Amino acid sequence: MTYVIYLGAALAEIAGCFAFWAWLRLDKSALWIVPGIGSLCLFAYLLTLVDAEYAGRTYAAYGGIYIASALLWLWAAEDIRPDRWDMLGAAICLLGAAIILWGPRTT
């Protein structure tokens, strides 16, 4: 379930940030920020649903999911296919996220 929450949070964050990008960089209407703000609020809420003892660890592990999701957005929404360096970087980030989330803890 954690992956589903992280994926939903990543999509909400990317969509929210893209709304601001569209307004400021693509000359879209300022009304784009309305759903953008809603999407960013949804992102923050979804991260509170992750079953983890500490917020910082939750956010750190989420970072890897966000990076991989951003590259999927690049491909799906912007029609730019990630190259091998993008994929390698995302794989390293996902490995780091897994270590942070599931690494053995002594306390």
PDB file of N, CA and C in Angstrom:
ATOM      1  N   MET A   1       0.826  -1.201   0.000  1.00  0.00           N
ATOM      2  CA  MET A   1       0.000   0.000   0.000  1.00  0.00           C
ATOM      3  C   MET A   1       0.866   1.259   0.000  1.00  0.00           C
ATOM      4  N   THR A   2       2.037   1.170   0.611  1.00  0.00           N
ATOM      5  CA  THR A   2       2.929   2.321   0.669  1.00  0.00           C
ATOM      6  C   THR A   2       3.285   2.813  -0.729  1.00  0.00           C
ATOM      7  N   TYR A   3       3.575   1.875  -1.649  1.00  0.00           N
ATOM      8  CA  TYR A   3       3.911   2.277  -3.018  1.00  0.00           C
ATOM      9  C   TYR A   3       2.758   3.003  -3.692  1.00  0.00           C
ATOM     10  N   VAL A   4       1.545   2.554  -3.450  1.00  0.00           N
ATOM     11  CA  VAL A   4       0.373   3.193  -4.053  1.00  0.00           C
ATOM     12  C   VAL A   4       0.232   4.622  -3.523  1.00  0.00           C
ATOM     13  N   ILE A   5       0.419   4.778  -2.226  1.00  0.00           N
ATOM     14  CA  ILE A   5       0.329   6.114  -1.630  1.00  0.00           C
ATOM     15  C   ILE A   5       1.430   7.014  -2.188  1.00  0.00           C
ATOM     16  N   TYR A   6       2.662   6.480  -2.226  1.00  0.00           N
ATOM     17  CA  TYR A   6       3.773   7.269  -2.764  1.00  0.00           C
ATOM     18  C   TYR A   6       3.538   7.635  -4.232  1.00  0.00           C
ATOM     19  N   LEU A   7       3.040   6.718  -5.012  1.00  0.00           N
ATOM     20  CA  LEU A   7       2.772   7.003  -6.417  1.00  0.00           C
ATOM     21  C   LEU A   7       1.689   8.072  -6.557  1.00  0.00           C
ATOM     22  N   GLY A   8       0.621   7.963  -5.765  1.00  0.00           N
ATOM     23  CA  GLY A   8      -0.420   8.991  -5.781  1.00  0.00           C
ATOM     24  C   GLY A   8       0.115  10.344  -5.362  1.00  0.00           C
ATOM     25  N   ALA A   9       0.959  10.349  -4.325  1.00  0.00           N
ATOM     26  CA  ALA A   9       1.561  11.605  -3.858  1.00  0.00           C
ATOM     27  C   ALA A   9       2.455  12.204  -4.943  1.00  0.00           C
ATOM     28  N   ALA A  10       3.227  11.358  -5.602  1.00  0.00           N
ATOM     29  CA  ALA A  10       4.110  11.857  -6.658  1.00  0.00           C
ATOM     30  C   ALA A  10       3.315  12.462  -7.809  1.00  0.00           C
ATOM     31  N   LEU A  11       2.276  11.781  -8.229  1.00  0.00           N
ATOM     32  CA  LEU A  11       1.453  12.313  -9.319  1.00  0.00           C
ATOM     33  C   LEU A  11       0.790  13.630  -8.921  1.00  0.00           C
ATOM     34  N   ALA A  12       0.314  13.701  -7.674  1.00  0.00           N
ATOM     35  CA  ALA A  12      -0.308  14.939  -7.199  1.00  0.00           C
ATOM     36  C   ALA A  12       0.709  16.076  -7.132  1.00  0.00           C
ATOM     37  N   GLU A  13       1.915  15.781  -6.657  1.00  0.00           N
ATOM     38  CA  GLU A  13       2.930  16.828  -6.572  1.00  0.00           C
ATOM     39  C   GLU A  13       3.373  17.295  -7.957  1.00  0.00           C
ATOM     40  N   ILE A  14       3.620  16.351  -8.837  1.00  0.00           N
ATOM     41  CA  ILE A  14       4.058  16.720 -10.184  1.00  0.00           C
ATOM     42  C   ILE A  14       2.973  17.510 -10.902  1.00  0.00           C
ATOM     43  N   ALA A  15       1.725  17.070 -10.799  1.00  0.00           N
ATOM     44  CA  ALA A  15       0.626  17.795 -11.450  1.00  0.00           C
ATOM     45  C   ALA A  15       0.483  19.202 -10.874  1.00  0.00           C
ATOM     46  N   GLY A  16       0.603  19.324  -9.554  1.00  0.00           N
ATOM     47  CA  GLY A  16       0.506  20.640  -8.927  1.00  0.00           C
ATOM     48  C   GLY A  16       1.624  21.564  -9.365  1.00  0.00           C
ATOM     49  N   CYS A  17       2.834  21.046  -9.385  1.00  0.00           N
ATOM     50  CA  CYS A  17       3.961  21.864  -9.825  1.00  0.00           C
ATOM     51  C   CYS A  17       3.866  22.190 -11.308  1.00  0.00           C
ATOM     52  N   PHE A  18       3.387  21.234 -12.102  1.00  0.00           N
ATOM     53  CA  PHE A  18       3.240  21.491 -13.531  1.00  0.00           C
ATOM     54  C   PHE A  18       2.205  22.583 -13.787  1.00  0.00           C
ATOM     55  N   ALA A  19       1.185  22.658 -12.954  1.00  0.00           N
ATOM     56  CA  ALA A  19       0.181  23.719 -13.121  1.00  0.00           C
ATOM     57  C   ALA A  19       0.834  25.098 -12.996  1.00  0.00           C
ATOM     58  N   PHE A  20       1.731  25.233 -12.031  1.00  0.00           N
ATOM     59  CA  PHE A  20       2.448  26.504 -11.884  1.00  0.00           C
ATOM     60  C   PHE A  20       3.409  26.723 -13.056  1.00  0.00           C
ATOM     61  N   TRP A  21       4.074  25.655 -13.495  1.00  0.00           N
ATOM     62  CA  TRP A  21       4.963  25.727 -14.658  1.00  0.00           C
ATOM     63  C   TRP A  21       4.185  26.193 -15.885  1.00  0.00           C
ATOM     64  N   ALA A  22       3.004  25.612 -16.088  1.00  0.00           N
ATOM     65  CA  ALA A  22       2.187  25.974 -17.246  1.00  0.00           C
ATOM     66  C   ALA A  22       1.796  27.446 -17.191  1.00  0.00           C
ATOM     67  N   TRP A  23       1.438  27.921 -16.012  1.00  0.00           N
ATOM     68  CA  TRP A  23       1.036  29.322 -15.856  1.00  0.00           C
ATOM     69  C   TRP A  23       2.219  30.261 -16.112  1.00  0.00           C
ATOM     70  N   LEU A  24       3.359  29.964 -15.488  1.00  0.00           N
ATOM     71  CA  LEU A  24       4.483  30.899 -15.544  1.00  0.00           C
ATOM     72  C   LEU A  24       5.408  30.708 -16.742  1.00  0.00           C
ATOM     73  N   ARG A  25       5.496  29.494 -17.272  1.00  0.00           N
ATOM     74  CA  ARG A  25       6.449  29.246 -18.345  1.00  0.00           C
ATOM     75  C   ARG A  25       5.799  28.967 -19.693  1.00  0.00           C
ATOM     76  N   LEU A  26       4.549  28.530 -19.664  1.00  0.00           N
ATOM     77  CA  LEU A  26       3.865  28.206 -20.915  1.00  0.00           C
ATOM     78  C   LEU A  26       2.756  29.198 -21.243  1.00  0.00           C
ATOM     79  N   ASP A  27       2.696  30.285 -20.483  1.00  0.00           N
ATOM     80  CA  ASP A  27       1.717  31.351 -20.711  1.00  0.00           C
ATOM     81  C   ASP A  27       0.277  30.884 -20.660  1.00  0.00           C
ATOM     82  N   LYS A  28      -0.013  29.927 -19.784  1.00  0.00           N
ATOM     83  CA  LYS A  28      -1.393  29.494 -19.571  1.00  0.00           C
ATOM     84  C   LYS A  28      -2.065  30.465 -18.606  1.00  0.00           C
ATOM     85  N   SER A  29      -3.368  30.379 -18.505  1.00  0.00           N
ATOM     86  CA  SER A  29      -4.147  31.238 -17.622  1.00  0.00           C
ATOM     87  C   SER A  29      -3.723  31.048 -16.160  1.00  0.00           C
ATOM     88  N   ALA A  30      -3.827  32.113 -15.384  1.00  0.00           N
ATOM     89  CA  ALA A  30      -3.536  32.028 -13.949  1.00  0.00           C
ATOM     90  C   ALA A  30      -4.503  31.090 -13.242  1.00  0.00           C
ATOM     91  N   LEU A  31      -5.610  30.772 -13.874  1.00  0.00           N
ATOM     92  CA  LEU A  31      -6.558  29.817 -13.287  1.00  0.00           C
ATOM     93  C   LEU A  31      -5.961  28.422 -13.144  1.00  0.00           C
ATOM     94  N   TRP A  32      -4.872  28.156 -13.852  1.00  0.00           N
ATOM     95  CA  TRP A  32      -4.196  26.867 -13.714  1.00  0.00           C
ATOM     96  C   TRP A  32      -3.704  26.641 -12.283  1.00  0.00           C
ATOM     97  N   ILE A  33      -3.466  27.714 -11.536  1.00  0.00           N
ATOM     98  CA  ILE A  33      -2.949  27.519 -10.176  1.00  0.00           C
ATOM     99  C   ILE A  33      -4.017  26.991  -9.218  1.00  0.00           C
ATOM    100  N   VAL A  34      -5.282  27.163  -9.538  1.00  0.00           N
ATOM    101  CA  VAL A  34      -6.342  26.666  -8.651  1.00  0.00           C
ATOM    102  C   VAL A  34      -6.269  25.143  -8.506  1.00  0.00           C
ATOM    103  N   PRO A  35      -6.326  24.378  -9.596  1.00  0.00           N
ATOM    104  CA  PRO A  35      -6.167  22.927  -9.417  1.00  0.00           C
ATOM    105  C   PRO A  35      -4.756  22.569  -8.955  1.00  0.00           C
ATOM    106  N   GLY A  36      -3.790  23.409  -9.294  1.00  0.00           N
ATOM    107  CA  GLY A  36      -2.423  23.158  -8.849  1.00  0.00           C
ATOM    108  C   GLY A  36      -2.312  23.175  -7.332  1.00  0.00           C
ATOM    109  N   ILE A  37      -2.946  24.155  -6.706  1.00  0.00           N
ATOM    110  CA  ILE A  37      -2.930  24.242  -5.242  1.00  0.00           C
ATOM    111  C   ILE A  37      -3.666  23.052  -4.641  1.00  0.00           C
ATOM    112  N   GLY A  38      -4.802  22.688  -5.205  1.00  0.00           N
ATOM    113  CA  GLY A  38      -5.533  21.518  -4.720  1.00  0.00           C
ATOM    114  C   GLY A  38      -4.701  20.251  -4.830  1.00  0.00           C
ATOM    115  N   SER A  39      -4.005  20.115  -5.929  1.00  0.00           N
ATOM    116  CA  SER A  39      -3.172  18.949  -6.144  1.00  0.00           C
ATOM    117  C   SER A  39      -2.020  18.896  -5.141  1.00  0.00           C
ATOM    118  N   LEU A  40      -1.419  20.039  -4.847  1.00  0.00           N
ATOM    119  CA  LEU A  40      -0.332  20.074  -3.862  1.00  0.00           C
ATOM    120  C   LEU A  40      -0.841  19.781  -2.450  1.00  0.00           C
ATOM    121  N   CYS A  41      -2.052  20.206  -2.146  1.00  0.00           N
ATOM    122  CA  CYS A  41      -2.649  19.864  -0.845  1.00  0.00           C
ATOM    123  C   CYS A  41      -2.893  18.358  -0.756  1.00  0.00           C
ATOM    124  N   LEU A  42      -3.378  17.763  -1.845  1.00  0.00           N
ATOM    125  CA  LEU A  42      -3.583  16.316  -1.881  1.00  0.00           C
ATOM    126  C   LEU A  42      -2.259  15.585  -1.684  1.00  0.00           C
ATOM    127  N   PHE A  43      -1.218  16.051  -2.314  1.00  0.00           N
ATOM    128  CA  PHE A  43       0.119  15.472  -2.159  1.00  0.00           C
ATOM    129  C   PHE A  43       0.536  15.438  -0.686  1.00  0.00           C
ATOM    130  N   ALA A  44       0.402  16.572  -0.012  1.00  0.00           N
ATOM    131  CA  ALA A  44       0.804  16.643   1.397  1.00  0.00           C
ATOM    132  C   ALA A  44      -0.037  15.702   2.258  1.00  0.00           C
ATOM    133  N   TYR A  45      -1.324  15.643   1.992  1.00  0.00           N
ATOM    134  CA  TYR A  45      -2.204  14.755   2.753  1.00  0.00           C
ATOM    135  C   TYR A  45      -1.814  13.294   2.550  1.00  0.00           C
ATOM    136  N   LEU A  46      -1.565  12.913   1.304  1.00  0.00           N
ATOM    137  CA  LEU A  46      -1.243  11.516   1.015  1.00  0.00           C
ATOM    138  C   LEU A  46       0.013  11.057   1.756  1.00  0.00           C
ATOM    139  N   LEU A  47       0.998  11.934   1.897  1.00  0.00           N
ATOM    140  CA  LEU A  47       2.205  11.532   2.615  1.00  0.00           C
ATOM    141  C   LEU A  47       1.926  11.244   4.090  1.00  0.00           C
ATOM    142  N   THR A  48       0.882  11.841   4.646  1.00  0.00           N
ATOM    143  CA  THR A  48       0.555  11.552   6.051  1.00  0.00           C
ATOM    144  C   THR A  48      -0.025  10.156   6.214  1.00  0.00           C
ATOM    145  N   LEU A  49      -0.442   9.517   5.125  1.00  0.00           N
ATOM    146  CA  LEU A  49      -1.036   8.188   5.194  1.00  0.00           C
ATOM    147  C   LEU A  49      -0.005   7.062   5.220  1.00  0.00           C
ATOM    148  N   VAL A  50       1.263   7.381   4.940  1.00  0.00           N
ATOM    149  CA  VAL A  50       2.304   6.357   4.943  1.00  0.00           C
ATOM    150  C   VAL A  50       2.551   5.912   6.380  1.00  0.00           C
ATOM    151  N   ASP A  51       2.532   4.601   6.575  1.00  0.00           N
ATOM    152  CA  ASP A  51       2.733   4.035   7.904  1.00  0.00           C
ATOM    153  C   ASP A  51       4.222   3.999   8.227  1.00  0.00           C
ATOM    154  N   ALA A  52       4.722   5.091   8.751  1.00  0.00           N
ATOM    155  CA  ALA A  52       6.122   5.197   9.151  1.00  0.00           C
ATOM    156  C   ALA A  52       6.178   5.959  10.464  1.00  0.00           C
ATOM    157  N   GLU A  53       7.188   5.649  11.246  1.00  0.00           N
ATOM    158  CA  GLU A  53       7.296   6.254  12.571  1.00  0.00           C
ATOM    159  C   GLU A  53       7.753   7.712  12.505  1.00  0.00           C
ATOM    160  N   TYR A  54       8.541   8.062  11.504  1.00  0.00           N
ATOM    161  CA  TYR A  54       9.125   9.401  11.438  1.00  0.00           C
ATOM    162  C   TYR A  54       8.846  10.058  10.092  1.00  0.00           C
ATOM    163  N   ALA A  55       8.455  11.300  10.116  1.00  0.00           N
ATOM    164  CA  ALA A  55       8.138  12.038   8.891  1.00  0.00           C
ATOM    165  C   ALA A  55       9.359  12.177   7.997  1.00  0.00           C
ATOM    166  N   GLY A  56      10.507  12.487   8.560  1.00  0.00           N
ATOM    167  CA  GLY A  56      11.711  12.685   7.753  1.00  0.00           C
ATOM    168  C   GLY A  56      12.073  11.457   6.944  1.00  0.00           C
ATOM    169  N   ARG A  57      11.944  10.286   7.544  1.00  0.00           N
ATOM    170  CA  ARG A  57      12.239   9.044   6.823  1.00  0.00           C
ATOM    171  C   ARG A  57      11.202   8.818   5.717  1.00  0.00           C
ATOM    172  N   THR A  58       9.959   9.131   5.999  1.00  0.00           N
ATOM    173  CA  THR A  58       8.903   9.013   4.995  1.00  0.00           C
ATOM    174  C   THR A  58       9.198   9.907   3.807  1.00  0.00           C
ATOM    175  N   TYR A  59       9.570  11.156   4.059  1.00  0.00           N
ATOM    176  CA  TYR A  59       9.843  12.105   2.978  1.00  0.00           C
ATOM    177  C   TYR A  59      11.092  11.708   2.192  1.00  0.00           C
ATOM    178  N   ALA A  60      12.097  11.217   2.885  1.00  0.00           N
ATOM    179  CA  ALA A  60      13.330  10.809   2.204  1.00  0.00           C
ATOM    180  C   ALA A  60      13.067   9.635   1.265  1.00  0.00           C
ATOM    181  N   ALA A  61      12.338   8.645   1.740  1.00  0.00           N
ATOM    182  CA  ALA A  61      12.032   7.487   0.894  1.00  0.00           C
ATOM    183  C   ALA A  61      11.149   7.909  -0.285  1.00  0.00           C
ATOM    184  N   TYR A  62      10.243   8.837  -0.052  1.00  0.00           N
ATOM    185  CA  TYR A  62       9.371   9.329  -1.110  1.00  0.00           C
ATOM    186  C   TYR A  62      10.180   9.963  -2.244  1.00  0.00           C
ATOM    187  N   GLY A  63      11.306  10.558  -1.921  1.00  0.00           N
ATOM    188  CA  GLY A  63      12.120  11.232  -2.930  1.00  0.00           C
ATOM    189  C   GLY A  63      12.464  10.347  -4.110  1.00  0.00           C
ATOM    190  N   GLY A  64      12.789   9.092  -3.854  1.00  0.00           N
ATOM    191  CA  GLY A  64      13.114   8.173  -4.938  1.00  0.00           C
ATOM    192  C   GLY A  64      11.921   7.909  -5.839  1.00  0.00           C
ATOM    193  N   ILE A  65      10.761   7.743  -5.221  1.00  0.00           N
ATOM    194  CA  ILE A  65       9.529   7.530  -5.994  1.00  0.00           C
ATOM    195  C   ILE A  65       9.218   8.764  -6.832  1.00  0.00           C
ATOM    196  N   TYR A  66       9.411   9.942  -6.234  1.00  0.00           N
ATOM    197  CA  TYR A  66       9.150  11.185  -6.949  1.00  0.00           C
ATOM    198  C   TYR A  66      10.025  11.294  -8.193  1.00  0.00           C
ATOM    199  N   ILE A  67      11.293  10.979  -8.063  1.00  0.00           N
ATOM    200  CA  ILE A  67      12.217  11.103  -9.188  1.00  0.00           C
ATOM    201  C   ILE A  67      11.800  10.186 -10.327  1.00  0.00           C
ATOM    202  N   ALA A  68      11.498   8.943 -10.016  1.00  0.00           N
ATOM    203  CA  ALA A  68      11.059   8.003 -11.057  1.00  0.00           C
ATOM    204  C   ALA A  68       9.744   8.473 -11.692  1.00  0.00           C
ATOM    205  N   SER A  69       8.829   8.966 -10.879  1.00  0.00           N
ATOM    206  CA  SER A  69       7.545   9.446 -11.397  1.00  0.00           C
ATOM    207  C   SER A  69       7.727  10.680 -12.273  1.00  0.00           C
ATOM    208  N   ALA A  70       8.663  11.549 -11.913  1.00  0.00           N
ATOM    209  CA  ALA A  70       8.920  12.740 -12.718  1.00  0.00           C
ATOM    210  C   ALA A  70       9.426  12.355 -14.105  1.00  0.00           C
ATOM    211  N   LEU A  71      10.227  11.296 -14.178  1.00  0.00           N
ATOM    212  CA  LEU A  71      10.697  10.846 -15.488  1.00  0.00           C
ATOM    213  C   LEU A  71       9.566  10.225 -16.303  1.00  0.00           C
ATOM    214  N   LEU A  72       8.642   9.550 -15.631  1.00  0.00           N
ATOM    215  CA  LEU A  72       7.462   9.049 -16.333  1.00  0.00           C
ATOM    216  C   LEU A  72       6.611  10.206 -16.849  1.00  0.00           C
ATOM    217  N   TRP A  73       6.489  11.256 -16.051  1.00  0.00           N
ATOM    218  CA  TRP A  73       5.761  12.463 -16.478  1.00  0.00           C
ATOM    219  C   TRP A  73       6.441  13.066 -17.705  1.00  0.00           C
ATOM    220  N   LEU A  74       7.767  13.143 -17.664  1.00  0.00           N
ATOM    221  CA  LEU A  74       8.532  13.674 -18.788  1.00  0.00           C
ATOM    222  C   LEU A  74       8.157  12.946 -20.072  1.00  0.00           C
ATOM    223  N   TRP A  75       8.047  11.639 -19.972  1.00  0.00           N
ATOM    224  CA  TRP A  75       7.743  10.815 -21.141  1.00  0.00           C
ATOM    225  C   TRP A  75       6.273  10.923 -21.536  1.00  0.00           C
ATOM    226  N   ALA A  76       5.376  10.778 -20.562  1.00  0.00           N
ATOM    227  CA  ALA A  76       3.939  10.737 -20.863  1.00  0.00           C
ATOM    228  C   ALA A  76       3.357  12.104 -21.196  1.00  0.00           C
ATOM    229  N   ALA A  77       3.718  13.129 -20.446  1.00  0.00           N
ATOM    230  CA  ALA A  77       3.081  14.440 -20.608  1.00  0.00           C
ATOM    231  C   ALA A  77       3.860  15.378 -21.530  1.00  0.00           C
ATOM    232  N   GLU A  78       5.183  15.211 -21.553  1.00  0.00           N
ATOM    233  CA  GLU A  78       5.996  16.134 -22.346  1.00  0.00           C
ATOM    234  C   GLU A  78       6.599  15.479 -23.586  1.00  0.00           C
ATOM    235  N   ASP A  79       6.322  14.197 -23.772  1.00  0.00           N
ATOM    236  CA  ASP A  79       6.749  13.442 -24.946  1.00  0.00           C
ATOM    237  C   ASP A  79       8.270  13.454 -25.144  1.00  0.00           C
ATOM    238  N   ILE A  80       8.992  13.429 -24.031  1.00  0.00           N
ATOM    239  CA  ILE A  80      10.457  13.319 -24.060  1.00  0.00           C
ATOM    240  C   ILE A  80      10.824  12.015 -23.381  1.00  0.00           C
ATOM    241  N   ARG A  81      11.406  11.108 -24.126  1.00  0.00           N
ATOM    242  CA  ARG A  81      11.756   9.807 -23.575  1.00  0.00           C
ATOM    243  C   ARG A  81      13.021   9.917 -22.728  1.00  0.00           C
ATOM    244  N   PRO A  82      12.967   9.442 -21.469  1.00  0.00           N
ATOM    245  CA  PRO A  82      14.162   9.472 -20.618  1.00  0.00           C
ATOM    246  C   PRO A  82      15.294   8.663 -21.255  1.00  0.00           C
ATOM    247  N   ASP A  83      16.519   9.161 -21.126  1.00  0.00           N
ATOM    248  CA  ASP A  83      17.656   8.436 -21.683  1.00  0.00           C
ATOM    249  C   ASP A  83      18.242   7.488 -20.631  1.00  0.00           C
ATOM    250  N   ARG A  84      19.291   6.805 -20.993  1.00  0.00           N
ATOM    251  CA  ARG A  84      19.861   5.804 -20.084  1.00  0.00           C
ATOM    252  C   ARG A  84      20.375   6.419 -18.796  1.00  0.00           C
ATOM    253  N   TRP A  85      20.836   7.653 -18.839  1.00  0.00           N
ATOM    254  CA  TRP A  85      21.334   8.312 -17.639  1.00  0.00           C
ATOM    255  C   TRP A  85      20.183   8.674 -16.704  1.00  0.00           C
ATOM    256  N   ASP A  86      19.072   9.074 -17.280  1.00  0.00           N
ATOM    257  CA  ASP A  86      17.869   9.312 -16.476  1.00  0.00           C
ATOM    258  C   ASP A  86      17.453   8.018 -15.774  1.00  0.00           C
ATOM    259  N   MET A  87      17.439   6.925 -16.537  1.00  0.00           N
ATOM    260  CA  MET A  87      17.006   5.638 -15.984  1.00  0.00           C
ATOM    261  C   MET A  87      17.968   5.133 -14.908  1.00  0.00           C
ATOM    262  N   LEU A  88      19.263   5.280 -15.139  1.00  0.00           N
ATOM    263  CA  LEU A  88      20.247   4.861 -14.141  1.00  0.00           C
ATOM    264  C   LEU A  88      20.098   5.684 -12.867  1.00  0.00           C
ATOM    265  N   GLY A  89      19.953   6.978 -13.021  1.00  0.00           N
ATOM    266  CA  GLY A  89      19.774   7.845 -11.857  1.00  0.00           C
ATOM    267  C   GLY A  89      18.523   7.493 -11.077  1.00  0.00           C
ATOM    268  N   ALA A  90      17.430   7.234 -11.777  1.00  0.00           N
ATOM    269  CA  ALA A  90      16.182   6.858 -11.108  1.00  0.00           C
ATOM    270  C   ALA A  90      16.333   5.523 -10.385  1.00  0.00           C
ATOM    271  N   ALA A  91      17.021   4.566 -11.006  1.00  0.00           N
ATOM    272  CA  ALA A  91      17.228   3.262 -10.359  1.00  0.00           C
ATOM    273  C   ALA A  91      18.039   3.409  -9.078  1.00  0.00           C
ATOM    274  N   ILE A  92      19.067   4.236  -9.115  1.00  0.00           N
ATOM    275  CA  ILE A  92      19.871   4.473  -7.915  1.00  0.00           C
ATOM    276  C   ILE A  92      19.019   5.122  -6.826  1.00  0.00           C
ATOM    277  N   CYS A  93      18.190   6.069  -7.206  1.00  0.00           N
ATOM    278  CA  CYS A  93      17.313   6.744  -6.237  1.00  0.00           C
ATOM    279  C   CYS A  93      16.299   5.774  -5.638  1.00  0.00           C
ATOM    280  N   LEU A  94      15.739   4.898  -6.460  1.00  0.00           N
ATOM    281  CA  LEU A  94      14.782   3.912  -5.949  1.00  0.00           C
ATOM    282  C   LEU A  94      15.460   2.927  -5.003  1.00  0.00           C
ATOM    283  N   LEU A  95      16.687   2.548  -5.310  1.00  0.00           N
ATOM    284  CA  LEU A  95      17.434   1.683  -4.400  1.00  0.00           C
ATOM    285  C   LEU A  95      17.660   2.397  -3.071  1.00  0.00           C
ATOM    286  N   GLY A  96      18.034   3.646  -3.134  1.00  0.00           N
ATOM    287  CA  GLY A  96      18.217   4.434  -1.910  1.00  0.00           C
ATOM    288  C   GLY A  96      16.926   4.557  -1.119  1.00  0.00           C
ATOM    289  N   ALA A  97      15.821   4.772  -1.804  1.00  0.00           N
ATOM    290  CA  ALA A  97      14.523   4.873  -1.127  1.00  0.00           C
ATOM    291  C   ALA A  97      14.183   3.565  -0.429  1.00  0.00           C
ATOM    292  N   ALA A  98      14.443   2.440  -1.084  1.00  0.00           N
ATOM    293  CA  ALA A  98      14.156   1.134  -0.479  1.00  0.00           C
ATOM    294  C   ALA A  98      15.009   0.907   0.760  1.00  0.00           C
ATOM    295  N   ILE A  99      16.267   1.299   0.691  1.00  0.00           N
ATOM    296  CA  ILE A  99      17.147   1.143   1.852  1.00  0.00           C
ATOM    297  C   ILE A  99      16.647   1.995   3.007  1.00  0.00           C
ATOM    298  N   ILE A 100      16.265   3.212   2.727  1.00  0.00           N
ATOM    299  CA  ILE A 100      15.763   4.105   3.772  1.00  0.00           C
ATOM    300  C   ILE A 100      14.491   3.548   4.395  1.00  0.00           C
ATOM    301  N   LEU A 101      13.594   3.066   3.563  1.00  0.00           N
ATOM    302  CA  LEU A 101      12.291   2.627   4.050  1.00  0.00           C
ATOM    303  C   LEU A 101      12.350   1.282   4.760  1.00  0.00           C
ATOM    304  N   TRP A 102      13.119   0.346   4.246  1.00  0.00           N
ATOM    305  CA  TRP A 102      13.090  -1.017   4.774  1.00  0.00           C
ATOM    306  C   TRP A 102      14.380  -1.492   5.408  1.00  0.00           C
ATOM    307  N   GLY A 103      15.367  -0.608   5.523  1.00  0.00           N
ATOM    308  CA  GLY A 103      16.625  -1.012   6.140  1.00  0.00           C
ATOM    309  C   GLY A 103      16.414  -1.423   7.596  1.00  0.00           C
ATOM    310  N   PRO A 104      17.206  -2.396   8.075  1.00  0.00           N
ATOM    311  CA  PRO A 104      17.053  -2.837   9.459  1.00  0.00           C
ATOM    312  C   PRO A 104      17.383  -1.708  10.435  1.00  0.00           C
ATOM    313  N   ARG A 105      16.583  -1.565  11.436  1.00  0.00           N
ATOM    314  CA  ARG A 105      16.756  -0.512  12.446  1.00  0.00           C
ATOM    315  C   ARG A 105      17.091  -1.146  13.783  1.00  0.00           C
ATOM    316  N   THR A 106      17.977  -0.523  14.515  1.00  0.00           N
ATOM    317  CA  THR A 106      18.326  -1.030  15.842  1.00  0.00           C
ATOM    318  C   THR A 106      17.479  -0.395  16.927  1.00  0.00           C
ATOM    319  N   THR A 107      16.816   0.693  16.604  1.00  0.00           N
ATOM    320  CA  THR A 107      15.955   1.337  17.608  1.00  0.00           C
ATOM    321  C   THR A 107      14.533   1.376  17.159  1.00  0.00           C
TER     322      THR A 107
END
